[in-house]
Amino acid sequence: MKTAWLLASVVVAATGWLAMAPASAQDRIYRCGNEYTNRIGNRKDCKVVEGGNVTVVMGTAPAAPAPAPAAPPPASGANPRVVSAPPAASRTASPEQRARDADAKVILEQELRRTEARQAELVKEYNNGEPEKIGGEARNYQKYLDRVAEMKASMERNQSDLEGLKRELSRLK
């Protein structure tokens, strides 16, 4: 009997403590434009933030950009707004960079071959929009239509990947 009384007292005390917990929680947080605050003052563009905690991390100021080197004065008759590219000799890559470029090209070519093989497989499976029905698709036509739509989307994503790989390879050549 004493154990039950003690247990009931602990439950009542804990319930009272939990009821007071929200009172010690953080005040309301408002979003005023891109700023989060708990004091809105006279601002009218503030809205209460609900549904989660807000964490604000103070950022650092960005470093000032390095000053651009001064351009030589334009030659007579030259357009002062036209900036010429540096000579090709100054743009030659180091041997390490050329090796990295060669490795990147090999990797891209391998990926292109894999993607082309996957595309051919997808086109064959798609069968001009009429793939073979599998499983319960004979009884559930919507399931078949969903699979066909997913196959078409997969083919389009794969085609987009192919085009991107070809663009990357053309940049390396």
N, C-alpha and C. Protein backbone atom coordinates (compact mmCIF):
# COMPACT_ATOMS: atom_id res chain seq x y z
N MET A 1 0.83 -1.19 0.00
CA MET A 1 0.00 0.00 0.00
C MET A 1 0.87 1.25 0.00
N LYS A 2 1.94 1.23 0.80
CA LYS A 2 2.84 2.38 0.83
C LYS A 2 3.53 2.56 -0.51
N THR A 3 3.85 1.44 -1.19
CA THR A 3 4.51 1.52 -2.49
C THR A 3 3.59 2.17 -3.51
N ALA A 4 2.32 1.82 -3.47
CA ALA A 4 1.36 2.41 -4.40
C ALA A 4 1.22 3.90 -4.14
N TRP A 5 1.17 4.30 -2.88
CA TRP A 5 1.05 5.72 -2.52
C TRP A 5 2.29 6.48 -2.99
N LEU A 6 3.47 5.91 -2.78
CA LEU A 6 4.71 6.55 -3.20
C LEU A 6 4.76 6.68 -4.72
N LEU A 7 4.35 5.62 -5.44
CA LEU A 7 4.33 5.65 -6.89
C LEU A 7 3.36 6.72 -7.41
N ALA A 8 2.20 6.82 -6.80
CA ALA A 8 1.22 7.82 -7.21
C ALA A 8 1.77 9.22 -6.96
N SER A 9 2.48 9.44 -5.87
CA SER A 9 3.06 10.75 -5.57
C SER A 9 4.11 11.12 -6.61
N VAL A 10 4.93 10.14 -7.02
CA VAL A 10 5.96 10.41 -8.02
C VAL A 10 5.32 10.76 -9.37
N VAL A 11 4.25 10.06 -9.74
CA VAL A 11 3.57 10.34 -11.01
C VAL A 11 2.97 11.73 -11.00
N VAL A 12 2.33 12.12 -9.90
CA VAL A 12 1.72 13.45 -9.80
C VAL A 12 2.81 14.52 -9.86
N ALA A 13 3.93 14.30 -9.19
CA ALA A 13 5.01 15.28 -9.20
C ALA A 13 5.61 15.40 -10.60
N ALA A 14 5.80 14.27 -11.27
CA ALA A 14 6.36 14.31 -12.62
C ALA A 14 5.40 15.00 -13.58
N THR A 15 4.10 14.75 -13.44
CA THR A 15 3.12 15.39 -14.31
C THR A 15 3.14 16.89 -14.10
N GLY A 16 3.24 17.32 -12.88
CA GLY A 16 3.30 18.74 -12.59
C GLY A 16 4.56 19.37 -13.17
N TRP A 17 5.68 18.65 -13.09
CA TRP A 17 6.92 19.16 -13.64
C TRP A 17 6.83 19.28 -15.16
N LEU A 18 6.23 18.26 -15.82
CA LEU A 18 6.10 18.30 -17.27
C LEU A 18 5.15 19.41 -17.72
N ALA A 19 4.15 19.70 -16.92
CA ALA A 19 3.23 20.77 -17.27
C ALA A 19 3.93 22.12 -17.22
N MET A 20 4.94 22.26 -16.36
CA MET A 20 5.67 23.52 -16.26
C MET A 20 6.77 23.62 -17.31
N ALA A 21 7.17 22.53 -17.94
CA ALA A 21 8.28 22.53 -18.88
C ALA A 21 8.07 23.49 -20.05
N PRO A 22 6.91 23.53 -20.70
CA PRO A 22 6.76 24.47 -21.81
C PRO A 22 6.90 25.93 -21.39
N ALA A 23 6.61 26.23 -20.13
CA ALA A 23 6.74 27.62 -19.68
C ALA A 23 8.19 28.04 -19.68
N SER A 24 9.12 27.10 -19.49
CA SER A 24 10.52 27.46 -19.48
C SER A 24 11.14 27.36 -20.87
N ALA A 25 10.34 27.00 -21.86
CA ALA A 25 10.86 26.86 -23.23
C ALA A 25 11.11 28.24 -23.83
N GLN A 26 11.69 28.25 -24.98
CA GLN A 26 12.03 29.48 -25.68
C GLN A 26 10.77 30.26 -26.05
N ASP A 27 10.87 31.59 -26.09
CA ASP A 27 9.75 32.43 -26.51
C ASP A 27 9.41 32.14 -27.96
N ARG A 28 8.35 32.76 -28.43
CA ARG A 28 7.98 32.61 -29.83
C ARG A 28 9.08 33.20 -30.71
N ILE A 29 9.28 32.53 -31.85
CA ILE A 29 10.27 33.00 -32.81
C ILE A 29 9.52 33.54 -34.02
N TYR A 30 9.95 34.69 -34.51
CA TYR A 30 9.32 35.33 -35.66
C TYR A 30 10.31 35.39 -36.81
N ARG A 31 9.78 35.27 -38.02
CA ARG A 31 10.59 35.47 -39.21
C ARG A 31 10.20 36.79 -39.81
N CYS A 32 11.14 37.70 -39.88
CA CYS A 32 10.92 39.02 -40.43
C CYS A 32 11.82 39.15 -41.67
N GLY A 33 11.27 38.85 -42.82
CA GLY A 33 12.09 38.83 -44.04
C GLY A 33 13.02 37.64 -43.97
N ASN A 34 14.34 37.89 -43.99
CA ASN A 34 15.34 36.82 -43.87
C ASN A 34 15.92 36.77 -42.46
N GLU A 35 15.33 37.46 -41.54
CA GLU A 35 15.85 37.54 -40.18
C GLU A 35 14.91 36.81 -39.23
N TYR A 36 15.48 36.06 -38.29
CA TYR A 36 14.72 35.38 -37.26
C TYR A 36 14.98 36.08 -35.93
N THR A 37 13.90 36.37 -35.20
CA THR A 37 14.06 37.08 -33.94
C THR A 37 12.93 36.71 -33.00
N ASN A 38 13.11 37.02 -31.70
CA ASN A 38 12.02 36.84 -30.76
C ASN A 38 11.46 38.19 -30.34
N ARG A 39 11.96 39.28 -30.91
CA ARG A 39 11.45 40.63 -30.66
C ARG A 39 11.15 41.28 -32.00
N ILE A 40 9.87 41.55 -32.25
CA ILE A 40 9.52 42.10 -33.55
C ILE A 40 9.49 43.62 -33.59
N GLY A 41 9.41 44.25 -32.44
CA GLY A 41 9.39 45.70 -32.43
C GLY A 41 8.20 46.24 -33.20
N ASN A 42 8.43 47.20 -34.10
CA ASN A 42 7.36 47.81 -34.88
C ASN A 42 7.24 47.23 -36.28
N ARG A 43 7.94 46.14 -36.56
CA ARG A 43 7.91 45.56 -37.91
C ARG A 43 6.57 44.89 -38.17
N LYS A 44 6.10 45.02 -39.40
CA LYS A 44 4.81 44.44 -39.76
C LYS A 44 4.96 43.22 -40.68
N ASP A 45 6.19 42.92 -41.12
CA ASP A 45 6.40 41.80 -42.03
C ASP A 45 6.80 40.52 -41.30
N CYS A 46 6.54 40.44 -40.01
CA CYS A 46 6.95 39.29 -39.22
C CYS A 46 5.84 38.25 -39.10
N LYS A 47 6.24 36.98 -39.17
CA LYS A 47 5.30 35.86 -39.02
C LYS A 47 5.87 34.89 -38.00
N VAL A 48 4.99 34.26 -37.22
CA VAL A 48 5.41 33.31 -36.21
C VAL A 48 5.92 32.04 -36.91
N VAL A 49 7.07 31.53 -36.46
CA VAL A 49 7.62 30.29 -36.98
C VAL A 49 7.10 29.16 -36.11
N GLU A 50 6.45 28.19 -36.73
CA GLU A 50 5.90 27.07 -35.99
C GLU A 50 6.39 25.76 -36.58
N GLY A 51 6.39 24.72 -35.75
CA GLY A 51 6.64 23.38 -36.25
C GLY A 51 8.07 22.92 -36.18
N GLY A 52 8.93 23.60 -35.47
CA GLY A 52 10.30 23.10 -35.38
C GLY A 52 11.21 24.10 -34.71
N ASN A 53 12.37 23.65 -34.39
CA ASN A 53 13.37 24.51 -33.77
C ASN A 53 14.09 25.31 -34.84
N VAL A 54 14.52 26.48 -34.48
CA VAL A 54 15.26 27.33 -35.39
C VAL A 54 16.67 27.44 -34.86
N THR A 55 17.65 27.14 -35.70
CA THR A 55 19.04 27.28 -35.32
C THR A 55 19.64 28.36 -36.19
N VAL A 56 20.22 29.36 -35.58
CA VAL A 56 20.82 30.45 -36.31
C VAL A 56 22.32 30.38 -36.11
N VAL A 57 23.07 30.33 -37.19
CA VAL A 57 24.52 30.28 -37.14
C VAL A 57 25.03 31.61 -37.68
N MET A 58 25.81 32.27 -36.88
CA MET A 58 26.35 33.55 -37.31
C MET A 58 27.44 33.30 -38.33
N GLY A 59 27.34 33.94 -39.48
CA GLY A 59 28.32 33.75 -40.54
C GLY A 59 29.44 34.76 -40.41
N THR A 60 30.46 34.56 -41.21
CA THR A 60 31.56 35.50 -41.25
C THR A 60 31.41 36.34 -42.51
N ALA A 61 31.97 37.51 -42.47
CA ALA A 61 31.90 38.39 -43.64
C ALA A 61 32.79 37.82 -44.74
N PRO A 62 32.35 37.86 -45.98
CA PRO A 62 33.18 37.34 -47.07
C PRO A 62 34.45 38.18 -47.23
N ALA A 63 35.51 37.52 -47.64
CA ALA A 63 36.78 38.22 -47.85
C ALA A 63 36.65 39.14 -49.06
N ALA A 64 37.34 40.24 -48.99
CA ALA A 64 37.31 41.20 -50.09
C ALA A 64 38.00 40.59 -51.30
N PRO A 65 37.46 40.79 -52.50
CA PRO A 65 38.10 40.22 -53.69
C PRO A 65 39.45 40.89 -53.94
N ALA A 66 40.36 40.11 -54.50
CA ALA A 66 41.69 40.64 -54.81
C ALA A 66 41.55 41.66 -55.95
N PRO A 67 42.30 42.73 -55.89
CA PRO A 67 42.19 43.74 -56.95
C PRO A 67 42.71 43.15 -58.26
N ALA A 68 42.04 43.52 -59.35
CA ALA A 68 42.45 43.05 -60.67
C ALA A 68 43.70 43.78 -61.11
N PRO A 69 44.59 43.09 -61.82
CA PRO A 69 45.80 43.77 -62.28
C PRO A 69 45.42 44.85 -63.31
N ALA A 70 46.19 45.90 -63.29
CA ALA A 70 45.91 47.01 -64.20
C ALA A 70 46.20 46.59 -65.63
N ALA A 71 45.31 46.95 -66.54
CA ALA A 71 45.47 46.61 -67.94
C ALA A 71 46.36 47.65 -68.61
N PRO A 72 47.17 47.20 -69.57
CA PRO A 72 48.00 48.18 -70.28
C PRO A 72 47.13 49.10 -71.13
N PRO A 73 47.58 50.29 -71.39
CA PRO A 73 46.76 51.21 -72.20
C PRO A 73 46.56 50.63 -73.60
N PRO A 74 45.38 50.87 -74.20
CA PRO A 74 45.10 50.32 -75.53
C PRO A 74 45.98 50.97 -76.59
N ALA A 75 46.26 50.18 -77.60
CA ALA A 75 47.04 50.71 -78.72
C ALA A 75 46.18 51.71 -79.49
N SER A 76 46.82 52.51 -80.25
CA SER A 76 46.06 53.53 -80.99
C SER A 76 45.11 52.84 -81.97
N GLY A 77 43.89 53.29 -81.97
CA GLY A 77 42.88 52.73 -82.87
C GLY A 77 42.23 51.47 -82.32
N ALA A 78 42.69 50.95 -81.19
CA ALA A 78 42.11 49.73 -80.64
C ALA A 78 40.92 50.08 -79.76
N ASN A 79 39.98 49.18 -79.69
CA ASN A 79 38.79 49.38 -78.85
C ASN A 79 39.19 49.13 -77.40
N PRO A 80 39.06 50.10 -76.50
CA PRO A 80 39.51 49.92 -75.13
C PRO A 80 38.66 48.91 -74.36
N ARG A 81 37.47 48.57 -74.82
CA ARG A 81 36.60 47.64 -74.10
C ARG A 81 36.90 46.19 -74.43
N VAL A 82 37.59 45.92 -75.50
CA VAL A 82 37.87 44.55 -75.91
C VAL A 82 39.08 44.05 -75.15
N VAL A 83 38.92 42.93 -74.48
CA VAL A 83 40.03 42.33 -73.73
C VAL A 83 40.42 41.06 -74.46
N SER A 84 41.68 40.96 -74.80
CA SER A 84 42.12 39.77 -75.54
C SER A 84 42.50 38.67 -74.55
N ALA A 85 42.38 37.44 -75.00
CA ALA A 85 42.74 36.29 -74.18
C ALA A 85 44.25 36.18 -74.10
N PRO A 86 44.77 35.58 -73.04
CA PRO A 86 46.22 35.43 -72.96
C PRO A 86 46.70 34.51 -74.07
N PRO A 87 47.95 34.61 -74.46
CA PRO A 87 48.45 33.75 -75.53
C PRO A 87 48.34 32.28 -75.16
N ALA A 88 48.23 31.43 -76.17
CA ALA A 88 48.03 30.00 -75.96
C ALA A 88 49.18 29.39 -75.18
N ALA A 89 50.38 29.90 -75.33
CA ALA A 89 51.54 29.33 -74.64
C ALA A 89 51.38 29.43 -73.13
N SER A 90 50.72 30.50 -72.64
CA SER A 90 50.56 30.66 -71.20
C SER A 90 49.45 29.77 -70.65
N ARG A 91 48.64 29.17 -71.54
CA ARG A 91 47.54 28.32 -71.09
C ARG A 91 47.88 26.84 -71.16
N THR A 92 49.09 26.47 -71.50
CA THR A 92 49.43 25.05 -71.58
C THR A 92 49.40 24.45 -70.19
N ALA A 93 48.88 23.23 -70.12
CA ALA A 93 48.73 22.56 -68.83
C ALA A 93 50.02 21.87 -68.44
N SER A 94 50.17 21.68 -67.15
CA SER A 94 51.32 20.96 -66.64
C SER A 94 51.15 19.48 -66.97
N PRO A 95 52.22 18.69 -66.90
CA PRO A 95 52.10 17.25 -67.17
C PRO A 95 51.09 16.57 -66.24
N GLU A 96 51.04 17.00 -64.99
CA GLU A 96 50.09 16.41 -64.05
C GLU A 96 48.65 16.69 -64.49
N GLN A 97 48.41 17.92 -64.95
CA GLN A 97 47.07 18.29 -65.38
C GLN A 97 46.68 17.51 -66.64
N ARG A 98 47.62 17.35 -67.56
CA ARG A 98 47.34 16.58 -68.76
C ARG A 98 47.02 15.12 -68.40
N ALA A 99 47.73 14.57 -67.43
CA ALA A 99 47.47 13.19 -67.00
C ALA A 99 46.07 13.08 -66.38
N ARG A 100 45.69 14.07 -65.57
CA ARG A 100 44.35 14.07 -64.96
C ARG A 100 43.28 14.19 -66.04
N ASP A 101 43.54 15.04 -67.04
CA ASP A 101 42.58 15.19 -68.14
C ASP A 101 42.44 13.89 -68.92
N ALA A 102 43.55 13.19 -69.14
CA ALA A 102 43.50 11.91 -69.85
C ALA A 102 42.72 10.88 -69.05
N ASP A 103 42.95 10.85 -67.73
CA ASP A 103 42.20 9.92 -66.87
C ASP A 103 40.71 10.24 -66.89
N ALA A 104 40.39 11.52 -66.83
CA ALA A 104 38.98 11.94 -66.85
C ALA A 104 38.33 11.53 -68.17
N LYS A 105 39.08 11.68 -69.26
CA LYS A 105 38.54 11.31 -70.58
C LYS A 105 38.26 9.81 -70.64
N VAL A 106 39.18 8.99 -70.11
CA VAL A 106 38.98 7.54 -70.11
C VAL A 106 37.75 7.17 -69.29
N ILE A 107 37.61 7.78 -68.13
CA ILE A 107 36.46 7.50 -67.26
C ILE A 107 35.16 7.91 -67.95
N LEU A 108 35.15 9.08 -68.56
CA LEU A 108 33.94 9.54 -69.26
C LEU A 108 33.59 8.64 -70.43
N GLU A 109 34.60 8.16 -71.17
CA GLU A 109 34.33 7.25 -72.29
C GLU A 109 33.75 5.93 -71.80
N GLN A 110 34.27 5.42 -70.67
CA GLN A 110 33.71 4.18 -70.10
C GLN A 110 32.27 4.39 -69.68
N GLU A 111 32.02 5.50 -69.03
CA GLU A 111 30.66 5.81 -68.57
C GLU A 111 29.73 5.99 -69.75
N LEU A 112 30.23 6.60 -70.83
CA LEU A 112 29.42 6.78 -72.03
C LEU A 112 29.04 5.42 -72.63
N ARG A 113 30.00 4.50 -72.70
CA ARG A 113 29.70 3.17 -73.24
C ARG A 113 28.66 2.45 -72.37
N ARG A 114 28.81 2.54 -71.05
CA ARG A 114 27.83 1.90 -70.15
C ARG A 114 26.45 2.51 -70.32
N THR A 115 26.39 3.82 -70.44
CA THR A 115 25.12 4.51 -70.59
C THR A 115 24.47 4.19 -71.93
N GLU A 116 25.27 4.10 -72.99
CA GLU A 116 24.72 3.73 -74.29
C GLU A 116 24.17 2.31 -74.26
N ALA A 117 24.87 1.38 -73.60
CA ALA A 117 24.38 0.01 -73.48
C ALA A 117 23.07 -0.02 -72.69
N ARG A 118 23.01 0.76 -71.63
CA ARG A 118 21.79 0.83 -70.82
C ARG A 118 20.64 1.41 -71.65
N GLN A 119 20.92 2.41 -72.45
CA GLN A 119 19.89 3.02 -73.30
C GLN A 119 19.36 2.01 -74.30
N ALA A 120 20.27 1.25 -74.91
CA ALA A 120 19.83 0.23 -75.87
C ALA A 120 18.95 -0.81 -75.19
N GLU A 121 19.32 -1.19 -73.97
CA GLU A 121 18.52 -2.15 -73.20
C GLU A 121 17.14 -1.59 -72.88
N LEU A 122 17.09 -0.33 -72.48
CA LEU A 122 15.82 0.30 -72.15
C LEU A 122 14.91 0.42 -73.37
N VAL A 123 15.50 0.79 -74.52
CA VAL A 123 14.71 0.92 -75.75
C VAL A 123 14.13 -0.44 -76.15
N LYS A 124 14.96 -1.47 -76.03
CA LYS A 124 14.49 -2.81 -76.39
C LYS A 124 13.36 -3.25 -75.46
N GLU A 125 13.52 -3.00 -74.16
CA GLU A 125 12.49 -3.39 -73.18
C GLU A 125 11.21 -2.57 -73.37
N TYR A 126 11.36 -1.28 -73.71
CA TYR A 126 10.22 -0.38 -73.89
C TYR A 126 9.36 -0.81 -75.08
N ASN A 127 9.98 -1.32 -76.14
CA ASN A 127 9.27 -1.89 -77.29
C ASN A 127 8.25 -0.90 -77.88
N ASN A 128 8.72 0.31 -78.18
CA ASN A 128 7.86 1.35 -78.78
C ASN A 128 6.60 1.63 -77.96
N GLY A 129 6.73 1.62 -76.65
CA GLY A 129 5.60 1.95 -75.78
C GLY A 129 4.69 0.79 -75.49
N GLU A 130 5.04 -0.41 -75.93
CA GLU A 130 4.20 -1.58 -75.68
C GLU A 130 5.03 -2.74 -75.13
N PRO A 131 5.59 -2.58 -73.93
CA PRO A 131 6.37 -3.68 -73.37
C PRO A 131 5.46 -4.85 -72.99
N GLU A 132 6.08 -6.01 -72.85
CA GLU A 132 5.30 -7.18 -72.48
C GLU A 132 4.77 -7.02 -71.06
N LYS A 133 3.57 -7.52 -70.82
CA LYS A 133 2.98 -7.46 -69.49
C LYS A 133 3.60 -8.54 -68.63
N ILE A 134 3.89 -8.18 -67.38
CA ILE A 134 4.47 -9.14 -66.45
C ILE A 134 3.63 -9.21 -65.19
N GLY A 135 3.66 -10.34 -64.52
CA GLY A 135 2.96 -10.50 -63.25
C GLY A 135 1.48 -10.25 -63.36
N GLY A 136 0.95 -9.45 -62.45
CA GLY A 136 -0.48 -9.17 -62.38
C GLY A 136 -0.93 -8.04 -63.26
N GLU A 137 -0.08 -7.60 -64.20
CA GLU A 137 -0.45 -6.47 -65.05
C GLU A 137 -1.55 -6.82 -66.05
N ALA A 138 -1.75 -8.12 -66.33
CA ALA A 138 -2.82 -8.51 -67.24
C ALA A 138 -4.17 -8.19 -66.61
N ARG A 139 -4.25 -8.33 -65.29
CA ARG A 139 -5.51 -8.03 -64.59
C ARG A 139 -5.60 -6.59 -64.13
N ASN A 140 -4.45 -5.94 -63.91
CA ASN A 140 -4.43 -4.57 -63.40
C ASN A 140 -3.74 -3.68 -64.44
N TYR A 141 -4.54 -3.08 -65.31
CA TYR A 141 -4.01 -2.29 -66.42
C TYR A 141 -3.29 -1.03 -65.93
N GLN A 142 -3.75 -0.44 -64.83
CA GLN A 142 -3.10 0.77 -64.32
C GLN A 142 -1.67 0.48 -63.88
N LYS A 143 -1.44 -0.69 -63.33
CA LYS A 143 -0.10 -1.09 -62.92
C LYS A 143 0.80 -1.16 -64.16
N TYR A 144 0.28 -1.67 -65.26
CA TYR A 144 1.01 -1.74 -66.52
C TYR A 144 1.34 -0.33 -67.02
N LEU A 145 0.33 0.56 -66.99
CA LEU A 145 0.54 1.93 -67.46
C LEU A 145 1.59 2.66 -66.62
N ASP A 146 1.55 2.42 -65.30
CA ASP A 146 2.54 3.04 -64.42
C ASP A 146 3.95 2.57 -64.77
N ARG A 147 4.09 1.27 -65.03
CA ARG A 147 5.41 0.73 -65.38
C ARG A 147 5.88 1.29 -66.72
N VAL A 148 5.00 1.42 -67.68
CA VAL A 148 5.36 1.98 -68.99
C VAL A 148 5.81 3.44 -68.83
N ALA A 149 5.08 4.20 -68.01
CA ALA A 149 5.45 5.61 -67.79
C ALA A 149 6.81 5.69 -67.11
N GLU A 150 7.08 4.82 -66.14
CA GLU A 150 8.37 4.81 -65.47
C GLU A 150 9.49 4.44 -66.43
N MET A 151 9.21 3.49 -67.34
CA MET A 151 10.21 3.10 -68.34
C MET A 151 10.54 4.27 -69.26
N LYS A 152 9.51 5.01 -69.66
CA LYS A 152 9.72 6.15 -70.55
C LYS A 152 10.53 7.23 -69.84
N ALA A 153 10.20 7.50 -68.58
CA ALA A 153 10.95 8.50 -67.80
C ALA A 153 12.40 8.05 -67.63
N SER A 154 12.62 6.77 -67.42
CA SER A 154 13.96 6.24 -67.26
C SER A 154 14.75 6.40 -68.55
N MET A 155 14.10 6.16 -69.68
CA MET A 155 14.77 6.35 -70.98
C MET A 155 15.14 7.81 -71.19
N GLU A 156 14.26 8.73 -70.81
CA GLU A 156 14.54 10.16 -70.98
C GLU A 156 15.68 10.61 -70.09
N ARG A 157 15.70 10.11 -68.83
CA ARG A 157 16.82 10.45 -67.93
C ARG A 157 18.13 9.92 -68.49
N ASN A 158 18.10 8.70 -68.98
CA ASN A 158 19.31 8.08 -69.53
C ASN A 158 19.78 8.84 -70.77
N GLN A 159 18.84 9.29 -71.59
CA GLN A 159 19.20 10.08 -72.78
C GLN A 159 19.84 11.40 -72.37
N SER A 160 19.30 12.01 -71.34
CA SER A 160 19.88 13.25 -70.81
C SER A 160 21.30 13.01 -70.30
N ASP A 161 21.50 11.87 -69.63
CA ASP A 161 22.85 11.52 -69.16
C ASP A 161 23.80 11.35 -70.34
N LEU A 162 23.32 10.70 -71.40
CA LEU A 162 24.14 10.51 -72.59
C LEU A 162 24.58 11.85 -73.17
N GLU A 163 23.64 12.77 -73.30
CA GLU A 163 23.95 14.08 -73.86
C GLU A 163 24.96 14.82 -72.99
N GLY A 164 24.80 14.72 -71.67
CA GLY A 164 25.73 15.37 -70.75
C GLY A 164 27.13 14.78 -70.86
N LEU A 165 27.23 13.46 -70.95
CA LEU A 165 28.53 12.82 -71.10
C LEU A 165 29.20 13.23 -72.42
N LYS A 166 28.41 13.31 -73.48
CA LYS A 166 28.97 13.73 -74.77
C LYS A 166 29.47 15.17 -74.71
N ARG A 167 28.72 16.04 -74.00
CA ARG A 167 29.17 17.44 -73.84
C ARG A 167 30.49 17.49 -73.08
N GLU A 168 30.59 16.72 -72.01
CA GLU A 168 31.82 16.71 -71.22
C GLU A 168 33.00 16.20 -72.04
N LEU A 169 32.77 15.16 -72.82
CA LEU A 169 33.85 14.64 -73.66
C LEU A 169 34.28 15.67 -74.72
N SER A 170 33.31 16.39 -75.27
CA SER A 170 33.67 17.40 -76.28
C SER A 170 34.48 18.54 -75.65
N ARG A 171 34.27 18.80 -74.38
CA ARG A 171 35.07 19.85 -73.70
C ARG A 171 36.51 19.42 -73.49
N LEU A 172 36.71 18.12 -73.31
CA LEU A 172 38.06 17.62 -73.06
C LEU A 172 38.88 17.49 -74.33
N LYS A 173 38.24 17.46 -75.49
CA LYS A 173 38.98 17.28 -76.76
C LYS A 173 39.54 18.57 -77.27
